[in-house]
Amino acid sequence: MKLIKTISKLRPMFYGLHSTRRGFTLIELMVSITVIIIISAAFLAGKSKEEEKMALNMSAFTFSQTLREYQEKALSGESIICPSPSNSICGFGARLIDGNDYFTPFVDCSNNCGSSNHRLTGGDLTLPNVKFGSKVKICSVTGGTLDVVFTPPDPAVYFNSAGWSSGEGAINLCLKADTNQIKTINLNHAGKIEIQ
């Protein structure tokens, strides 16, 4: 019996002063929840920025691939029926307007390709708009509105009706939320398309 009394006197030394305590205090729970919330918020904030950058990169890539597709169509002489049966295909292009989150692909149709203005006009075949995404827009293009047209058979590149003999043009895409985040698509007179 004496041994049991001695052990029960020593028990608080091994298990702390409050040996009957079970669970956590309210303050301990509040501190734990606060730490979890802070860590989660930091993780989610970083994830959002990365998602926006990924959307910008993806939009730039998709746009450059679309331009390459139009280049290929011009090279191959793809057959599409123009709105007016007397017109023929003079090229494939895209219209870009500052501030839009989409671009308009079109087929340049004319009854005389030598005198075509290589711009989107009423006689051309307009294809459905292509959206960049909810987070990306066109930040800047030359003159506020830009028509890029690839004409067969070379294909020659027309930039707002002007045929290029040398030089390079740039199309800037940016995030709607942060216009300092920019991806530039460069296009030169030979039709080379690069993303920077």
Protein backbone atom coordinates (compact mmCIF):
# COMPACT_ATOMS: atom_id res chain seq x y z
CA MET A 1 0.00 0.00 0.00
CA LYS A 2 2.86 2.28 0.84
CA LEU A 3 4.36 1.63 -2.61
CA ILE A 4 1.11 2.69 -4.34
CA LYS A 5 1.06 5.97 -2.37
CA THR A 6 4.66 6.67 -3.34
CA ILE A 7 3.96 6.00 -7.02
CA SER A 8 0.90 8.21 -7.00
CA LYS A 9 3.00 11.04 -5.49
CA LEU A 10 5.64 10.64 -8.23
CA ARG A 11 3.13 10.49 -11.10
CA PRO A 12 2.71 14.32 -11.40
CA MET A 13 6.48 14.70 -11.91
CA PHE A 14 6.40 12.46 -14.99
CA TYR A 15 3.14 13.64 -16.52
CA GLY A 16 3.18 17.33 -15.65
CA LEU A 17 1.30 19.15 -12.96
CA HIS A 18 -2.12 18.66 -14.57
CA SER A 19 -2.13 14.94 -15.15
CA THR A 20 -5.90 14.83 -15.58
CA ARG A 21 -5.90 17.37 -18.45
CA ARG A 22 -7.24 16.01 -21.76
CA GLY A 23 -7.48 18.06 -25.01
CA PHE A 24 -6.46 21.60 -25.99
CA THR A 25 -7.30 25.02 -24.65
CA LEU A 26 -9.24 27.48 -26.77
CA ILE A 27 -6.16 29.66 -27.26
CA GLU A 28 -4.10 26.70 -28.52
CA LEU A 29 -6.81 25.88 -31.06
CA MET A 30 -7.09 29.52 -32.21
CA VAL A 31 -3.31 29.79 -32.70
CA SER A 32 -3.23 26.53 -34.68
CA ILE A 33 -6.10 27.61 -36.94
CA THR A 34 -4.50 31.02 -37.52
CA VAL A 35 -1.20 29.43 -38.57
CA ILE A 36 -3.02 27.10 -40.99
CA ILE A 37 -4.96 30.02 -42.51
CA ILE A 38 -1.80 32.11 -43.01
CA ILE A 39 0.06 29.25 -44.69
CA SER A 40 -2.94 28.46 -46.94
CA ALA A 41 -3.36 32.10 -47.97
CA ALA A 42 0.31 32.40 -48.91
CA PHE A 43 0.13 29.23 -50.97
CA LEU A 44 -3.05 30.23 -52.80
CA ALA A 45 -1.82 33.78 -53.54
CA GLY A 46 1.33 32.41 -55.16
CA LYS A 47 -0.67 29.88 -57.12
CA SER A 48 -2.93 32.58 -58.58
CA LYS A 49 0.02 34.60 -59.93
CA GLU A 50 1.54 31.50 -61.50
CA GLU A 51 -1.79 30.60 -63.11
CA GLU A 52 -1.97 34.08 -64.66
CA LYS A 53 1.57 33.78 -66.05
CA MET A 54 0.72 30.34 -67.40
CA ALA A 55 -2.41 31.75 -69.09
CA LEU A 56 -0.32 34.49 -70.72
CA ASN A 57 2.28 31.99 -71.98
CA MET A 58 -0.42 29.68 -73.27
CA SER A 59 -2.24 32.51 -75.08
CA ALA A 60 0.99 33.67 -76.75
CA PHE A 61 1.76 30.12 -77.82
CA THR A 62 -1.77 29.51 -79.13
CA PHE A 63 -1.77 32.78 -81.06
CA SER A 64 1.62 32.10 -82.67
CA GLN A 65 0.46 28.59 -83.61
CA THR A 66 -2.67 30.06 -85.20
CA LEU A 67 -0.56 32.48 -87.25
CA ARG A 68 1.62 29.55 -88.36
CA GLU A 69 -1.54 27.68 -89.35
CA TYR A 70 -2.62 30.61 -91.57
CA GLN A 71 0.86 30.69 -93.05
CA GLU A 72 0.56 27.00 -93.91
CA LYS A 73 -2.87 27.55 -95.46
CA ALA A 74 -1.40 30.28 -97.67
CA LEU A 75 1.51 28.03 -98.65
CA SER A 76 -0.72 25.09 -99.46
CA GLY A 77 -3.24 27.18 -101.36
CA GLU A 78 -6.09 25.76 -99.31
CA SER A 79 -9.40 25.95 -101.08
CA ILE A 80 -12.17 27.83 -99.29
CA ILE A 81 -15.26 29.31 -100.89
CA CYS A 82 -15.34 33.11 -100.60
CA PRO A 83 -18.65 34.91 -99.94
CA SER A 84 -18.75 36.11 -103.55
CA PRO A 85 -18.29 33.27 -106.07
CA SER A 86 -16.38 35.57 -108.45
CA ASN A 87 -13.71 36.24 -105.79
CA SER A 88 -10.68 34.09 -105.13
CA ILE A 89 -8.54 33.58 -102.05
CA CYS A 90 -5.78 36.16 -101.79
CA GLY A 91 -4.53 35.21 -98.34
CA PHE A 92 -5.22 34.17 -94.78
CA GLY A 93 -4.98 36.60 -91.90
CA ALA A 94 -5.93 37.82 -88.46
CA ARG A 95 -7.26 41.15 -87.22
CA LEU A 96 -6.06 42.39 -83.83
CA ILE A 97 -7.45 45.41 -81.98
CA ASP A 98 -5.88 47.02 -78.88
CA GLY A 99 -7.63 46.03 -75.66
CA ASN A 100 -9.57 43.05 -77.06
CA ASP A 101 -9.27 39.63 -75.46
CA TYR A 102 -9.78 37.95 -78.86
CA PHE A 103 -8.63 38.19 -82.47
CA THR A 104 -10.57 37.69 -85.69
CA PRO A 105 -9.23 35.24 -88.28
CA PHE A 106 -10.28 35.86 -91.87
CA VAL A 107 -9.77 34.82 -95.47
CA ASP A 108 -8.78 37.71 -97.75
CA CYS A 109 -11.02 37.41 -100.81
CA SER A 110 -10.85 39.58 -103.93
CA ASN A 111 -11.61 39.34 -107.65
CA ASN A 112 -8.06 40.57 -108.34
CA CYS A 113 -5.44 39.53 -105.78
CA GLY A 114 -2.88 41.90 -107.29
CA SER A 115 -5.05 44.85 -106.27
CA SER A 116 -6.29 43.40 -102.96
CA ASN A 117 -5.84 45.69 -99.97
CA HIS A 118 -4.89 42.70 -97.75
CA ARG A 119 -7.14 43.92 -94.95
CA LEU A 120 -10.36 42.65 -93.44
CA THR A 121 -13.16 44.17 -95.51
CA GLY A 122 -16.80 43.40 -96.23
CA GLY A 123 -16.02 41.01 -99.10
CA ASP A 124 -13.76 38.79 -96.98
CA LEU A 125 -14.73 35.58 -95.22
CA THR A 126 -14.64 36.18 -91.47
CA LEU A 127 -14.04 33.14 -89.30
CA PRO A 128 -15.20 32.87 -85.66
CA ASN A 129 -13.29 35.01 -83.13
CA VAL A 130 -10.60 33.25 -81.13
CA LYS A 131 -10.42 34.22 -77.44
CA PHE A 132 -7.10 34.53 -75.63
CA GLY A 133 -8.71 33.65 -72.31
CA SER A 134 -10.33 35.50 -69.46
CA LYS A 135 -7.04 36.84 -68.07
CA VAL A 136 -5.23 37.95 -71.27
CA LYS A 137 -5.75 40.80 -73.72
CA ILE A 138 -3.99 42.53 -76.61
CA CYS A 139 -1.92 45.34 -75.09
CA SER A 140 -0.52 47.01 -78.16
CA VAL A 141 -0.40 46.64 -81.90
CA THR A 142 0.65 49.12 -84.54
CA GLY A 143 -2.01 51.75 -85.16
CA GLY A 144 -4.51 50.31 -82.66
CA THR A 145 -5.87 47.89 -85.29
CA LEU A 146 -3.63 45.42 -87.07
CA ASP A 147 -4.34 43.07 -89.96
CA VAL A 148 -1.66 40.44 -90.58
CA VAL A 149 -2.15 38.61 -93.88
CA PHE A 150 -0.14 35.77 -95.42
CA THR A 151 -0.53 35.53 -99.18
CA PRO A 152 0.36 32.63 -101.49
CA PRO A 153 2.57 31.36 -102.95
CA ASP A 154 5.65 32.51 -100.96
CA PRO A 155 3.84 33.42 -98.53
CA ALA A 156 4.38 37.15 -98.46
CA VAL A 157 3.45 38.91 -95.22
CA TYR A 158 1.25 42.01 -95.23
CA PHE A 159 1.02 44.18 -92.16
CA ASN A 160 -1.91 46.65 -92.44
CA SER A 161 -1.87 46.45 -96.25
CA ALA A 162 1.88 47.08 -96.54
CA GLY A 163 4.02 44.28 -97.93
CA TRP A 164 7.21 43.92 -95.93
CA SER A 165 10.54 43.83 -97.65
CA SER A 166 12.51 44.00 -94.42
CA GLY A 167 11.98 44.57 -90.73
CA GLU A 168 9.91 43.10 -87.99
CA GLY A 169 6.60 43.79 -86.27
CA ALA A 170 5.52 43.08 -82.70
CA ILE A 171 2.23 42.10 -81.12
CA ASN A 172 2.10 42.50 -77.34
CA LEU A 173 -0.19 40.38 -75.19
CA CYS A 174 -0.55 41.15 -71.48
CA LEU A 175 -2.48 40.18 -68.38
CA LYS A 176 -5.66 42.16 -67.78
CA ALA A 177 -4.86 42.41 -64.07
CA ASP A 178 -1.18 43.36 -64.54
CA THR A 179 -0.33 45.05 -67.84
CA ASN A 180 3.37 44.96 -66.94
CA GLN A 181 3.34 41.19 -67.55
CA ILE A 182 3.83 41.10 -71.33
CA LYS A 183 4.54 38.45 -73.96
CA THR A 184 5.68 39.74 -77.34
CA ILE A 185 5.09 37.89 -80.58
CA ASN A 186 7.54 39.06 -83.24
CA LEU A 187 6.77 38.57 -86.91
CA ASN A 188 9.27 39.39 -89.64
CA HIS A 189 8.99 39.96 -93.41
CA ALA A 190 9.93 36.34 -94.16
CA GLY A 191 7.07 35.08 -91.97
CA LYS A 192 9.20 33.97 -89.03
CA ILE A 193 7.13 34.02 -85.82
CA GLU A 194 8.83 34.17 -82.40
CA ILE A 195 7.60 34.51 -78.84
CA GLN A 196 9.66 36.59 -76.43
